Every structure is written in C-alpha cells, then in structure tokens.
PDB file of N, CA and C in Angstrom:
ATOM      1  N   MET A   1     -23.305 -32.228 -27.923  1.00  0.00           N
ATOM      2  CA  MET A   1     -22.475 -32.686 -26.832  1.00  0.00           C
ATOM      3  C   MET A   1     -23.209 -33.801 -26.097  1.00  0.00           C
ATOM      4  N   LEU A   2     -22.537 -34.896 -25.923  1.00  0.00           N
ATOM      5  CA  LEU A   2     -23.082 -36.027 -25.201  1.00  0.00           C
ATOM      6  C   LEU A   2     -22.407 -36.147 -23.848  1.00  0.00           C
ATOM      7  N   GLN A   3     -23.061 -36.843 -22.946  1.00  0.00           N
ATOM      8  CA  GLN A   3     -22.467 -37.079 -21.640  1.00  0.00           C
ATOM      9  C   GLN A   3     -21.109 -37.765 -21.796  1.00  0.00           C
ATOM     10  N   LYS A   4     -21.001 -38.649 -22.764  1.00  0.00           N
ATOM     11  CA  LYS A   4     -19.735 -39.349 -23.027  1.00  0.00           C
ATOM     12  C   LYS A   4     -18.629 -38.349 -23.360  1.00  0.00           C
ATOM     13  N   ASP A   5     -18.959 -37.307 -24.113  1.00  0.00           N
ATOM     14  CA  ASP A   5     -17.978 -36.274 -24.453  1.00  0.00           C
ATOM     15  C   ASP A   5     -17.471 -35.571 -23.197  1.00  0.00           C
ATOM     16  N   ILE A   6     -18.390 -35.271 -22.294  1.00  0.00           N
ATOM     17  CA  ILE A   6     -18.015 -34.621 -21.033  1.00  0.00           C
ATOM     18  C   ILE A   6     -17.080 -35.529 -20.248  1.00  0.00           C
ATOM     19  N   LEU A   7     -17.451 -36.796 -20.139  1.00  0.00           N
ATOM     20  CA  LEU A   7     -16.642 -37.743 -19.373  1.00  0.00           C
ATOM     21  C   LEU A   7     -15.262 -37.947 -19.998  1.00  0.00           C
ATOM     22  N   ASP A   8     -15.220 -38.063 -21.318  1.00  0.00           N
ATOM     23  CA  ASP A   8     -13.941 -38.252 -22.009  1.00  0.00           C
ATOM     24  C   ASP A   8     -13.016 -37.053 -21.804  1.00  0.00           C
ATOM     25  N   TYR A   9     -13.569 -35.850 -21.943  1.00  0.00           N
ATOM     26  CA  TYR A   9     -12.749 -34.651 -21.780  1.00  0.00           C
ATOM     27  C   TYR A   9     -12.278 -34.523 -20.337  1.00  0.00           C
ATOM     28  N   TYR A  10     -13.151 -34.845 -19.387  1.00  0.00           N
ATOM     29  CA  TYR A  10     -12.764 -34.797 -17.979  1.00  0.00           C
ATOM     30  C   TYR A  10     -11.634 -35.790 -17.710  1.00  0.00           C
ATOM     31  N   GLU A  11     -11.714 -36.971 -18.305  1.00  0.00           N
ATOM     32  CA  GLU A  11     -10.652 -37.969 -18.125  1.00  0.00           C
ATOM     33  C   GLU A  11      -9.304 -37.439 -18.610  1.00  0.00           C
ATOM     34  N   GLN A  12      -9.312 -36.635 -19.658  1.00  0.00           N
ATOM     35  CA  GLN A  12      -8.072 -36.044 -20.180  1.00  0.00           C
ATOM     36  C   GLN A  12      -7.535 -34.964 -19.250  1.00  0.00           C
ATOM     37  N   THR A  13      -8.428 -34.120 -18.756  1.00  0.00           N
ATOM     38  CA  THR A  13      -7.991 -32.955 -17.980  1.00  0.00           C
ATOM     39  C   THR A  13      -7.980 -33.183 -16.471  1.00  0.00           C
ATOM     40  N   LYS A  14      -8.831 -34.084 -16.007  1.00  0.00           N
ATOM     41  CA  LYS A  14      -9.018 -34.319 -14.565  1.00  0.00           C
ATOM     42  C   LYS A  14      -9.412 -33.025 -13.855  1.00  0.00           C
ATOM     43  N   ASN A  15     -10.136 -32.140 -14.568  1.00  0.00           N
ATOM     44  CA  ASN A  15     -10.481 -30.845 -14.022  1.00  0.00           C
ATOM     45  C   ASN A  15     -11.899 -30.470 -14.473  1.00  0.00           C
ATOM     46  N   ALA A  16     -12.815 -30.386 -13.512  1.00  0.00           N
ATOM     47  CA  ALA A  16     -14.213 -30.079 -13.834  1.00  0.00           C
ATOM     48  C   ALA A  16     -14.362 -28.672 -14.397  1.00  0.00           C
ATOM     49  N   ASN A  17     -13.589 -27.717 -13.883  1.00  0.00           N
ATOM     50  CA  ASN A  17     -13.697 -26.335 -14.365  1.00  0.00           C
ATOM     51  C   ASN A  17     -13.239 -26.211 -15.816  1.00  0.00           C
ATOM     52  N   LYS A  18     -12.135 -26.853 -16.162  1.00  0.00           N
ATOM     53  CA  LYS A  18     -11.651 -26.821 -17.553  1.00  0.00           C
ATOM     54  C   LYS A  18     -12.664 -27.495 -18.480  1.00  0.00           C
ATOM     55  N   THR A  19     -13.200 -28.609 -18.021  1.00  0.00           N
ATOM     56  CA  THR A  19     -14.189 -29.329 -18.817  1.00  0.00           C
ATOM     57  C   THR A  19     -15.418 -28.454 -19.047  1.00  0.00           C
ATOM     58  N   ALA A  20     -15.860 -27.776 -17.999  1.00  0.00           N
ATOM     59  CA  ALA A  20     -17.030 -26.895 -18.112  1.00  0.00           C
ATOM     60  C   ALA A  20     -16.772 -25.780 -19.110  1.00  0.00           C
ATOM     61  N   ARG A  21     -15.607 -25.140 -19.014  1.00  0.00           N
ATOM     62  CA  ARG A  21     -15.276 -24.056 -19.953  1.00  0.00           C
ATOM     63  C   ARG A  21     -15.218 -24.564 -21.384  1.00  0.00           C
ATOM     64  N   HIS A  22     -14.659 -25.745 -21.572  1.00  0.00           N
ATOM     65  CA  HIS A  22     -14.535 -26.321 -22.914  1.00  0.00           C
ATOM     66  C   HIS A  22     -15.909 -26.496 -23.573  1.00  0.00           C
ATOM     67  N   PHE A  23     -16.896 -26.946 -22.795  1.00  0.00           N
ATOM     68  CA  PHE A  23     -18.219 -27.207 -23.346  1.00  0.00           C
ATOM     69  C   PHE A  23     -19.199 -26.053 -23.151  1.00  0.00           C
ATOM     70  N   GLY A  24     -18.786 -25.013 -22.447  1.00  0.00           N
ATOM     71  CA  GLY A  24     -19.668 -23.878 -22.211  1.00  0.00           C
ATOM     72  C   GLY A  24     -20.812 -24.198 -21.264  1.00  0.00           C
ATOM     73  N   ILE A  25     -20.532 -25.034 -20.275  1.00  0.00           N
ATOM     74  CA  ILE A  25     -21.532 -25.409 -19.279  1.00  0.00           C
ATOM     75  C   ILE A  25     -20.980 -25.106 -17.892  1.00  0.00           C
ATOM     76  N   SER A  26     -21.800 -25.240 -16.876  1.00  0.00           N
ATOM     77  CA  SER A  26     -21.337 -24.938 -15.518  1.00  0.00           C
ATOM     78  C   SER A  26     -20.514 -26.094 -14.957  1.00  0.00           C
ATOM     79  N   PRO A  27     -19.571 -25.779 -14.063  1.00  0.00           N
ATOM     80  CA  PRO A  27     -18.804 -26.842 -13.400  1.00  0.00           C
ATOM     81  C   PRO A  27     -19.719 -27.797 -12.637  1.00  0.00           C
ATOM     82  N   GLN A  28     -20.821 -27.261 -12.082  1.00  0.00           N
ATOM     83  CA  GLN A  28     -21.761 -28.113 -11.353  1.00  0.00           C
ATOM     84  C   GLN A  28     -22.387 -29.146 -12.284  1.00  0.00           C
ATOM     85  N   THR A  29     -22.671 -28.763 -13.521  1.00  0.00           N
ATOM     86  CA  THR A  29     -23.226 -29.708 -14.487  1.00  0.00           C
ATOM     87  C   THR A  29     -22.229 -30.820 -14.777  1.00  0.00           C
ATOM     88  N   VAL A  30     -20.962 -30.446 -14.881  1.00  0.00           N
ATOM     89  CA  VAL A  30     -19.918 -31.457 -15.094  1.00  0.00           C
ATOM     90  C   VAL A  30     -19.874 -32.407 -13.900  1.00  0.00           C
ATOM     91  N   ARG A  31     -19.868 -31.845 -12.690  1.00  0.00           N
ATOM     92  CA  ARG A  31     -19.815 -32.687 -11.488  1.00  0.00           C
ATOM     93  C   ARG A  31     -21.026 -33.622 -11.413  1.00  0.00           C
ATOM     94  N   ARG A  32     -22.219 -33.107 -11.776  1.00  0.00           N
ATOM     95  CA  ARG A  32     -23.405 -33.967 -11.728  1.00  0.00           C
ATOM     96  C   ARG A  32     -23.282 -35.122 -12.726  1.00  0.00           C
ATOM     97  N   ALA A  33     -22.722 -34.840 -13.900  1.00  0.00           N
ATOM     98  CA  ALA A  33     -22.508 -35.914 -14.887  1.00  0.00           C
ATOM     99  C   ALA A  33     -21.518 -36.937 -14.329  1.00  0.00           C
ATOM    100  N   LEU A  34     -20.484 -36.451 -13.645  1.00  0.00           N
ATOM    101  CA  LEU A  34     -19.492 -37.347 -13.055  1.00  0.00           C
ATOM    102  C   LEU A  34     -20.095 -38.163 -11.911  1.00  0.00           C
ATOM    103  N   ILE A  35     -20.905 -37.508 -11.075  1.00  0.00           N
ATOM    104  CA  ILE A  35     -21.573 -38.207  -9.967  1.00  0.00           C
ATOM    105  C   ILE A  35     -22.469 -39.305 -10.518  1.00  0.00           C
ATOM    106  N   THR A  36     -23.225 -38.978 -11.553  1.00  0.00           N
ATOM    107  CA  THR A  36     -24.151 -39.933 -12.157  1.00  0.00           C
ATOM    108  C   THR A  36     -23.426 -41.176 -12.643  1.00  0.00           C
ATOM    109  N   ASN A  37     -22.202 -40.982 -13.108  1.00  0.00           N
ATOM    110  CA  ASN A  37     -21.432 -42.100 -13.651  1.00  0.00           C
ATOM    111  C   ASN A  37     -20.434 -42.676 -12.658  1.00  0.00           C
ATOM    112  N   GLY A  38     -20.540 -42.275 -11.395  1.00  0.00           N
ATOM    113  CA  GLY A  38     -19.687 -42.836 -10.342  1.00  0.00           C
ATOM    114  C   GLY A  38     -18.244 -42.390 -10.393  1.00  0.00           C
ATOM    115  N   LEU A  39     -17.963 -41.267 -11.038  1.00  0.00           N
ATOM    116  CA  LEU A  39     -16.587 -40.809 -11.185  1.00  0.00           C
ATOM    117  C   LEU A  39     -16.228 -39.660 -10.248  1.00  0.00           C
ATOM    118  N   TYR A  40     -17.180 -39.176  -9.493  1.00  0.00           N
ATOM    119  CA  TYR A  40     -16.942 -38.030  -8.616  1.00  0.00           C
ATOM    120  C   TYR A  40     -17.633 -38.327  -7.295  1.00  0.00           C
ATOM    121  N   LEU A  41     -16.925 -38.978  -6.400  1.00  0.00           N
ATOM    122  CA  LEU A  41     -17.540 -39.388  -5.155  1.00  0.00           C
ATOM    123  C   LEU A  41     -16.797 -38.794  -3.964  1.00  0.00           C
ATOM    124  N   SER A  42     -17.219 -37.623  -3.553  1.00  0.00           N
ATOM    125  CA  SER A  42     -16.660 -37.028  -2.344  1.00  0.00           C
ATOM    126  C   SER A  42     -17.326 -37.693  -1.137  1.00  0.00           C
ATOM    127  N   GLU A  43     -16.806 -37.413   0.034  1.00  0.00           N
ATOM    128  CA  GLU A  43     -17.421 -37.955   1.248  1.00  0.00           C
ATOM    129  C   GLU A  43     -18.872 -37.474   1.374  1.00  0.00           C
ATOM    130  N   ARG A  44     -19.115 -36.216   1.023  1.00  0.00           N
ATOM    131  CA  ARG A  44     -20.471 -35.669   1.112  1.00  0.00           C
ATOM    132  C   ARG A  44     -21.402 -36.389   0.136  1.00  0.00           C
ATOM    133  N   ASN A  45     -20.912 -36.655  -1.089  1.00  0.00           N
ATOM    134  CA  ASN A  45     -21.728 -37.387  -2.060  1.00  0.00           C
ATOM    135  C   ASN A  45     -22.100 -38.765  -1.521  1.00  0.00           C
ATOM    136  N   LYS A  46     -21.132 -39.432  -0.934  1.00  0.00           N
ATOM    137  CA  LYS A  46     -21.382 -40.773  -0.385  1.00  0.00           C
ATOM    138  C   LYS A  46     -22.389 -40.713   0.753  1.00  0.00           C
ATOM    139  N   GLU A  47     -22.248 -39.705   1.626  1.00  0.00           N
ATOM    140  CA  GLU A  47     -23.149 -39.571   2.759  1.00  0.00           C
ATOM    141  C   GLU A  47     -24.573 -39.272   2.308  1.00  0.00           C
ATOM    142  N   VAL A  48     -24.725 -38.367   1.358  1.00  0.00           N
ATOM    143  CA  VAL A  48     -26.052 -38.030   0.839  1.00  0.00           C
ATOM    144  C   VAL A  48     -26.666 -39.259   0.171  1.00  0.00           C
ATOM    145  N   ALA A  49     -25.887 -39.975  -0.627  1.00  0.00           N
ATOM    146  CA  ALA A  49     -26.400 -41.174  -1.304  1.00  0.00           C
ATOM    147  C   ALA A  49     -26.816 -42.238  -0.285  1.00  0.00           C
ATOM    148  N   ARG A  50     -26.038 -42.412   0.768  1.00  0.00           N
ATOM    149  CA  ARG A  50     -26.357 -43.402   1.803  1.00  0.00           C
ATOM    150  C   ARG A  50     -27.683 -43.057   2.481  1.00  0.00           C
ATOM    151  N   LEU A  51     -27.848 -41.780   2.836  1.00  0.00           N
ATOM    152  CA  LEU A  51     -29.088 -41.357   3.488  1.00  0.00           C
ATOM    153  C   LEU A  51     -30.284 -41.509   2.555  1.00  0.00           C
ATOM    154  N   ARG A  52     -30.080 -41.207   1.282  1.00  0.00           N
ATOM    155  CA  ARG A  52     -31.163 -41.333   0.293  1.00  0.00           C
ATOM    156  C   ARG A  52     -31.577 -42.800   0.163  1.00  0.00           C
ATOM    157  N   LEU A  53     -30.593 -43.698   0.144  1.00  0.00           N
ATOM    158  CA  LEU A  53     -30.890 -45.129   0.044  1.00  0.00           C
ATOM    159  C   LEU A  53     -31.606 -45.641   1.290  1.00  0.00           C
ATOM    160  N   MET A  54     -31.388 -44.980   2.404  1.00  0.00           N
ATOM    161  CA  MET A  54     -32.072 -45.356   3.653  1.00  0.00           C
ATOM    162  C   MET A  54     -33.515 -44.863   3.668  1.00  0.00           C
ATOM    163  N   GLY A  55     -33.887 -44.078   2.646  1.00  0.00           N
ATOM    164  CA  GLY A  55     -35.261 -43.628   2.534  1.00  0.00           C
ATOM    165  C   GLY A  55     -35.511 -42.201   2.996  1.00  0.00           C
ATOM    166  N   PHE A  56     -34.448 -41.469   3.341  1.00  0.00           N
ATOM    167  CA  PHE A  56     -34.601 -40.079   3.739  1.00  0.00           C
ATOM    168  C   PHE A  56     -35.044 -39.247   2.538  1.00  0.00           C
ATOM    169  N   THR A  57     -35.883 -38.260   2.771  1.00  0.00           N
ATOM    170  CA  THR A  57     -36.254 -37.326   1.714  1.00  0.00           C
ATOM    171  C   THR A  57     -35.151 -36.280   1.594  1.00  0.00           C
ATOM    172  N   ILE A  58     -35.194 -35.502   0.531  1.00  0.00           N
ATOM    173  CA  ILE A  58     -34.206 -34.440   0.343  1.00  0.00           C
ATOM    174  C   ILE A  58     -34.281 -33.449   1.504  1.00  0.00           C
ATOM    175  N   GLU A  59     -35.495 -33.120   1.899  1.00  0.00           N
ATOM    176  CA  GLU A  59     -35.692 -32.191   3.020  1.00  0.00           C
ATOM    177  C   GLU A  59     -35.093 -32.759   4.316  1.00  0.00           C
ATOM    178  N   GLU A  60     -35.308 -34.029   4.567  1.00  0.00           N
ATOM    179  CA  GLU A  60     -34.772 -34.668   5.783  1.00  0.00           C
ATOM    180  C   GLU A  60     -33.249 -34.723   5.755  1.00  0.00           C
ATOM    181  N   ILE A  61     -32.676 -35.018   4.601  1.00  0.00           N
ATOM    182  CA  ILE A  61     -31.219 -35.060   4.478  1.00  0.00           C
ATOM    183  C   ILE A  61     -30.638 -33.678   4.746  1.00  0.00           C
ATOM    184  N   ALA A  62     -31.257 -32.658   4.170  1.00  0.00           N
ATOM    185  CA  ALA A  62     -30.783 -31.284   4.371  1.00  0.00           C
ATOM    186  C   ALA A  62     -30.805 -30.920   5.849  1.00  0.00           C
ATOM    187  N   GLU A  63     -31.884 -31.253   6.507  1.00  0.00           N
ATOM    188  CA  GLU A  63     -32.005 -30.945   7.937  1.00  0.00           C
ATOM    189  C   GLU A  63     -30.967 -31.725   8.740  1.00  0.00           C
ATOM    190  N   TYR A  64     -30.805 -32.990   8.442  1.00  0.00           N
ATOM    191  CA  TYR A  64     -29.864 -33.854   9.160  1.00  0.00           C
ATOM    192  C   TYR A  64     -28.420 -33.385   9.007  1.00  0.00           C
ATOM    193  N   LEU A  65     -28.054 -32.970   7.784  1.00  0.00           N
ATOM    194  CA  LEU A  65     -26.678 -32.553   7.506  1.00  0.00           C
ATOM    195  C   LEU A  65     -26.445 -31.052   7.711  1.00  0.00           C
ATOM    196  N   HIS A  66     -27.522 -30.325   8.012  1.00  0.00           N
ATOM    197  CA  HIS A  66     -27.439 -28.873   8.208  1.00  0.00           C
ATOM    198  C   HIS A  66     -26.929 -28.163   6.952  1.00  0.00           C
ATOM    199  N   ILE A  67     -27.503 -28.563   5.813  1.00  0.00           N
ATOM    200  CA  ILE A  67     -27.204 -27.924   4.534  1.00  0.00           C
ATOM    201  C   ILE A  67     -28.525 -27.634   3.831  1.00  0.00           C
ATOM    202  N   SER A  68     -28.484 -26.860   2.758  1.00  0.00           N
ATOM    203  CA  SER A  68     -29.712 -26.525   2.043  1.00  0.00           C
ATOM    204  C   SER A  68     -30.192 -27.714   1.199  1.00  0.00           C
ATOM    205  N   GLU A  69     -31.466 -27.679   0.853  1.00  0.00           N
ATOM    206  CA  GLU A  69     -32.012 -28.717  -0.023  1.00  0.00           C
ATOM    207  C   GLU A  69     -31.335 -28.678  -1.384  1.00  0.00           C
ATOM    208  N   LYS A  70     -31.001 -27.476  -1.845  1.00  0.00           N
ATOM    209  CA  LYS A  70     -30.308 -27.343  -3.125  1.00  0.00           C
ATOM    210  C   LYS A  70     -28.948 -28.033  -3.066  1.00  0.00           C
ATOM    211  N   ALA A  71     -28.247 -27.887  -1.937  1.00  0.00           N
ATOM    212  CA  ALA A  71     -26.948 -28.552  -1.793  1.00  0.00           C
ATOM    213  C   ALA A  71     -27.113 -30.064  -1.830  1.00  0.00           C
ATOM    214  N   VAL A  72     -28.166 -30.566  -1.196  1.00  0.00           N
ATOM    215  CA  VAL A  72     -28.425 -32.009  -1.228  1.00  0.00           C
ATOM    216  C   VAL A  72     -28.624 -32.463  -2.666  1.00  0.00           C
ATOM    217  N   LYS A  73     -29.459 -31.735  -3.403  1.00  0.00           N
ATOM    218  CA  LYS A  73     -29.738 -32.097  -4.801  1.00  0.00           C
ATOM    219  C   LYS A  73     -28.464 -32.086  -5.639  1.00  0.00           C
ATOM    220  N   ASN A  74     -27.556 -31.153  -5.329  1.00  0.00           N
ATOM    221  CA  ASN A  74     -26.306 -31.067  -6.083  1.00  0.00           C
ATOM    222  C   ASN A  74     -25.399 -32.269  -5.847  1.00  0.00           C
ATOM    223  N   HIS A  75     -25.617 -32.971  -4.746  1.00  0.00           N
ATOM    224  CA  HIS A  75     -24.794 -34.141  -4.431  1.00  0.00           C
ATOM    225  C   HIS A  75     -25.424 -35.449  -4.889  1.00  0.00           C
ATOM    226  N   LEU A  76     -26.590 -35.368  -5.490  1.00  0.00           N
ATOM    227  CA  LEU A  76     -27.269 -36.572  -5.970  1.00  0.00           C
ATOM    228  C   LEU A  76     -27.063 -36.739  -7.471  1.00  0.00           C
ATOM    229  N   PRO A  77     -27.020 -37.984  -7.948  1.00  0.00           N
ATOM    230  CA  PRO A  77     -26.923 -38.186  -9.403  1.00  0.00           C
ATOM    231  C   PRO A  77     -28.230 -37.809 -10.076  1.00  0.00           C
ATOM    232  N   TYR A  78     -28.164 -37.583 -11.392  1.00  0.00           N
ATOM    233  CA  TYR A  78     -29.374 -37.342 -12.154  1.00  0.00           C
ATOM    234  C   TYR A  78     -30.235 -38.587 -12.072  1.00  0.00           C
ATOM    235  N   THR A  79     -31.516 -38.406 -11.848  1.00  0.00           N
ATOM    236  CA  THR A  79     -32.403 -39.560 -11.746  1.00  0.00           C
ATOM    237  C   THR A  79     -33.492 -39.549 -12.808  1.00  0.00           C
ATOM    238  N   LYS A  80     -33.796 -38.394 -13.351  1.00  0.00           N
ATOM    239  CA  LYS A  80     -34.836 -38.305 -14.376  1.00  0.00           C
ATOM    240  C   LYS A  80     -34.172 -38.252 -15.738  1.00  0.00           C
ATOM    241  N   GLY A  81     -33.867 -39.394 -16.286  1.00  0.00           N
ATOM    242  CA  GLY A  81     -33.185 -39.430 -17.574  1.00  0.00           C
ATOM    243  C   GLY A  81     -31.705 -39.136 -17.383  1.00  0.00           C
ATOM    244  N   SER A  82     -31.068 -38.814 -18.441  1.00  0.00           N
ATOM    245  CA  SER A  82     -29.632 -38.570 -18.396  1.00  0.00           C
ATOM    246  C   SER A  82     -29.324 -37.232 -19.030  1.00  0.00           C
ATOM    247  N   TYR A  83     -28.377 -36.540 -18.475  1.00  0.00           N
ATOM    248  CA  TYR A  83     -28.006 -35.248 -19.009  1.00  0.00           C
ATOM    249  C   TYR A  83     -27.211 -35.416 -20.301  1.00  0.00           C
ATOM    250  N   ALA A  84     -27.375 -34.511 -21.217  1.00  0.00           N
ATOM    251  CA  ALA A  84     -26.589 -34.433 -22.449  1.00  0.00           C
ATOM    252  C   ALA A  84     -26.699 -35.692 -23.296  1.00  0.00           C
ATOM    253  N   THR A  85     -27.893 -36.112 -23.557  1.00  0.00           N
ATOM    254  CA  THR A  85     -28.091 -37.237 -24.462  1.00  0.00           C
ATOM    255  C   THR A  85     -28.515 -36.694 -25.815  1.00  0.00           C
ATOM    256  N   LYS A  86     -28.384 -37.488 -26.846  1.00  0.00           N
ATOM    257  CA  LYS A  86     -28.740 -37.043 -28.191  1.00  0.00           C
ATOM    258  C   LYS A  86     -30.227 -36.754 -28.302  1.00  0.00           C
ATOM    259  N   GLU A  87     -31.037 -37.652 -27.808  1.00  0.00           N
ATOM    260  CA  GLU A  87     -32.480 -37.562 -27.971  1.00  0.00           C
ATOM    261  C   GLU A  87     -33.102 -36.749 -26.840  1.00  0.00           C
ATOM    262  N   LYS A  88     -33.865 -35.724 -27.201  1.00  0.00           N
ATOM    263  CA  LYS A  88     -34.598 -34.967 -26.203  1.00  0.00           C
ATOM    264  C   LYS A  88     -35.924 -35.676 -25.949  1.00  0.00           C
ATOM    265  N   THR A  89     -36.364 -35.641 -24.705  1.00  0.00           N
ATOM    266  CA  THR A  89     -37.656 -36.225 -24.385  1.00  0.00           C
ATOM    267  C   THR A  89     -38.751 -35.338 -24.948  1.00  0.00           C
ATOM    268  N   GLU A  90     -39.934 -35.881 -25.039  1.00  0.00           N
ATOM    269  CA  GLU A  90     -41.078 -35.115 -25.537  1.00  0.00           C
ATOM    270  C   GLU A  90     -41.317 -33.898 -24.640  1.00  0.00           C
ATOM    271  N   ASN A  91     -41.175 -34.098 -23.336  1.00  0.00           N
ATOM    272  CA  ASN A  91     -41.379 -32.994 -22.396  1.00  0.00           C
ATOM    273  C   ASN A  91     -40.317 -31.907 -22.597  1.00  0.00           C
ATOM    274  N   ALA A  92     -39.072 -32.303 -22.818  1.00  0.00           N
ATOM    275  CA  ALA A  92     -38.000 -31.326 -23.040  1.00  0.00           C
ATOM    276  C   ALA A  92     -38.266 -30.506 -24.298  1.00  0.00           C
ATOM    277  N   ILE A  93     -38.799 -31.140 -25.319  1.00  0.00           N
ATOM    278  CA  ILE A  93     -39.126 -30.442 -26.566  1.00  0.00           C
ATOM    279  C   ILE A  93     -40.238 -29.425 -26.316  1.00  0.00           C
ATOM    280  N   LYS A  94     -41.257 -29.823 -25.545  1.00  0.00           N
ATOM    281  CA  LYS A  94     -42.357 -28.907 -25.224  1.00  0.00           C
ATOM    282  C   LYS A  94     -41.851 -27.714 -24.407  1.00  0.00           C
ATOM    283  N   ILE A  95     -40.989 -27.981 -23.451  1.00  0.00           N
ATOM    284  CA  ILE A  95     -40.441 -26.912 -22.610  1.00  0.00           C
ATOM    285  C   ILE A  95     -39.632 -25.934 -23.456  1.00  0.00           C
ATOM    286  N   ALA A  96     -38.784 -26.460 -24.332  1.00  0.00           N
ATOM    287  CA  ALA A  96     -37.965 -25.601 -25.196  1.00  0.00           C
ATOM    288  C   ALA A  96     -38.845 -24.734 -26.091  1.00  0.00           C
ATOM    289  N   ALA A  97     -39.905 -25.315 -26.638  1.00  0.00           N
ATOM    290  CA  ALA A  97     -40.818 -24.556 -27.499  1.00  0.00           C
ATOM    291  C   ALA A  97     -41.523 -23.464 -26.708  1.00  0.00           C
ATOM    292  N   SER A  98     -41.948 -23.784 -25.499  1.00  0.00           N
ATOM    293  CA  SER A  98     -42.620 -22.801 -24.652  1.00  0.00           C
ATOM    294  C   SER A  98     -41.686 -21.651 -24.306  1.00  0.00           C
ATOM    295  N   ARG A  99     -40.443 -21.973 -23.958  1.00  0.00           N
ATOM    296  CA  ARG A  99     -39.479 -20.926 -23.631  1.00  0.00           C
ATOM    297  C   ARG A  99     -39.193 -20.030 -24.833  1.00  0.00           C
ATOM    298  N   ALA A 100     -39.075 -20.643 -26.004  1.00  0.00           N
ATOM    299  CA  ALA A 100     -38.820 -19.862 -27.220  1.00  0.00           C
ATOM    300  C   ALA A 100     -39.995 -18.928 -27.503  1.00  0.00           C
ATOM    301  N   LYS A 101     -41.215 -19.413 -27.290  1.00  0.00           N
ATOM    302  CA  LYS A 101     -42.407 -18.605 -27.519  1.00  0.00           C
ATOM    303  C   LYS A 101     -42.454 -17.425 -26.548  1.00  0.00           C
ATOM    304  N   LYS A 102     -42.140 -17.683 -25.272  1.00  0.00           N
ATOM    305  CA  LYS A 102     -42.126 -16.611 -24.264  1.00  0.00           C
ATOM    306  C   LYS A 102     -41.058 -15.573 -24.583  1.00  0.00           C
ATOM    307  N   LYS A 103     -39.900 -16.055 -25.029  1.00  0.00           N
ATOM    308  CA  LYS A 103     -38.806 -15.142 -25.360  1.00  0.00           C
ATOM    309  C   LYS A 103     -39.192 -14.261 -26.546  1.00  0.00           C
ATOM    310  N   ALA A 104     -39.793 -14.855 -27.567  1.00  0.00           N
ATOM    311  CA  ALA A 104     -40.218 -14.090 -28.746  1.00  0.00           C
ATOM    312  C   ALA A 104     -41.255 -13.052 -28.360  1.00  0.00           C
ATOM    313  N   LYS A 105     -42.186 -13.424 -27.491  1.00  0.00           N
ATOM    314  CA  LYS A 105     -43.217 -12.489 -27.050  1.00  0.00           C
ATOM    315  C   LYS A 105     -42.590 -11.330 -26.277  1.00  0.00           C
ATOM    316  N   ALA A 106     -41.652 -11.633 -25.394  1.00  0.00           N
ATOM    317  CA  ALA A 106     -40.989 -10.588 -24.608  1.00  0.00           C
ATOM    318  C   ALA A 106     -40.207  -9.642 -25.515  1.00  0.00           C
ATOM    319  N   LEU A 107     -39.542 -10.183 -26.528  1.00  0.00           N
ATOM    320  CA  LEU A 107     -38.804  -9.340 -27.472  1.00  0.00           C
ATOM    321  C   LEU A 107     -39.748  -8.442 -28.260  1.00  0.00           C
ATOM    322  N   GLU A 108     -40.880  -8.997 -28.646  1.00  0.00           N
ATOM    323  CA  GLU A 108     -41.874  -8.225 -29.395  1.00  0.00           C
ATOM    324  C   GLU A 108     -42.421  -7.081 -28.536  1.00  0.00           C
ATOM    325  N   GLU A 109     -42.718  -7.373 -27.274  1.00  0.00           N
ATOM    326  CA  GLU A 109     -43.232  -6.341 -26.365  1.00  0.00           C
ATOM    327  C   GLU A 109     -42.200  -5.238 -26.143  1.00  0.00           C
ATOM    328  N   THR A 110     -40.941  -5.633 -26.010  1.00  0.00           N
ATOM    329  CA  THR A 110     -39.866  -4.660 -25.816  1.00  0.00           C
ATOM    330  C   THR A 110     -39.746  -3.758 -27.038  1.00  0.00           C
ATOM    331  N   LYS A 111     -39.836  -4.369 -28.222  1.00  0.00           N
ATOM    332  CA  LYS A 111     -39.749  -3.604 -29.459  1.00  0.00           C
ATOM    333  C   LYS A 111     -40.898  -2.615 -29.575  1.00  0.00           C
ATOM    334  N   GLU A 112     -42.110  -3.056 -29.209  1.00  0.00           N
ATOM    335  CA  GLU A 112     -43.277  -2.173 -29.257  1.00  0.00           C
ATOM    336  C   GLU A 112     -43.118  -0.999 -28.293  1.00  0.00           C
ATOM    337  N   GLU A 113     -42.590  -1.271 -27.090  1.00  0.00           N
ATOM    338  CA  GLU A 113     -42.374  -0.208 -26.103  1.00  0.00           C
ATOM    339  C   GLU A 113     -41.358   0.810 -26.617  1.00  0.00           C
ATOM    340  N   GLU A 114     -40.315   0.326 -27.272  1.00  0.00           N
ATOM    341  CA  GLU A 114     -39.296   1.236 -27.820  1.00  0.00           C
ATOM    342  C   GLU A 114     -39.883   2.102 -28.915  1.00  0.00           C
ATOM    343  N   GLU A 115     -40.745   1.509 -29.751  1.00  0.00           N
ATOM    344  CA  GLU A 115     -41.391   2.267 -30.822  1.00  0.00           C
ATOM    345  C   GLU A 115     -42.301   3.339 -30.246  1.00  0.00           C
ATOM    346  N   GLU A 116     -43.014   3.021 -29.169  1.00  0.00           N
ATOM    347  CA  GLU A 116     -43.893   4.003 -28.525  1.00  0.00           C
ATOM    348  C   GLU A 116     -43.073   5.160 -27.939  1.00  0.00           C
ATOM    349  N   ASP A 117     -41.919   4.802 -27.351  1.00  0.00           N
ATOM    350  CA  ASP A 117     -41.052   5.848 -26.768  1.00  0.00           C
ATOM    351  C   ASP A 117     -40.489   6.769 -27.848  1.00  0.00           C
ATOM    352  N   ASP A 118     -40.201   6.200 -29.018  1.00  0.00           N
ATOM    353  CA  ASP A 118     -39.642   6.988 -30.118  1.00  0.00           C
ATOM    354  C   ASP A 118     -40.722   7.851 -30.780  1.00  0.00           C
ATOM    355  N   GLY A 119     -41.957   7.407 -30.744  1.00  0.00           N
ATOM    356  CA  GLY A 119     -43.060   8.060 -31.456  1.00  0.00           C
ATOM    357  C   GLY A 119     -43.597   9.230 -30.743  1.00  0.00           C
TER     358      GLY A 119
END
C-alpha cells in the first residue's frame, strides 16, 4: 500500500473511516496522510501549522491551545519521511527486525512456561 493508494481511495469515498477500513489502518493514519498532502485542512490543522511556522514547539502549542501534545502531533503533517512508501528506510528495517526478535523471544518464553506448567 502506497500513500498514493490511500489518497486515491479517499478521493473516491471522501471518507477517512471507510478508507481506513479498506486498508486495515487507523482513521488517524489516513488523516495524517491527507494532512501531509494538503487534502485535510481543518481550522485546528491550520492553527497548529501557523503556530509551528512561527517557531512554537509542540509543547508550547499544546499549552497555548489547551490541548495535549499528542493532539498537536496529530494535527501536524508527517515530517520524517513519508508514510506508506515502497522503500523502507534502513532504520525502519532495523526496528522491524528488532520487534520480530522480541516477539519471537516472548513467544518462546511463553511456550517454555506452558511446558513447565504441564510437566
């Protein structure tokens, strides 16, 4: 799935929730892709972007608007690369490998505990 696929499907449906269900992703992820591409600009998005361009930090924007830092981040476009691109960054590959290793270890530990309980 590419960001273009998300945008194309959204253009057909005009509905972030339907688009999210179609791709098996969260509606917030769809909205962030739309924000990044200038297709989803609520008043809050515009206000957060304006404050960010003025040099406010995320923490300062949250305090100024009386919202959480997480809410501020949700109103900002992606800035570190682009979501849903074909090529994964080297860091993304390392993170995925680390998560897979942790998951395998946790499954192995769970299996060992079950064997001990049965024995």
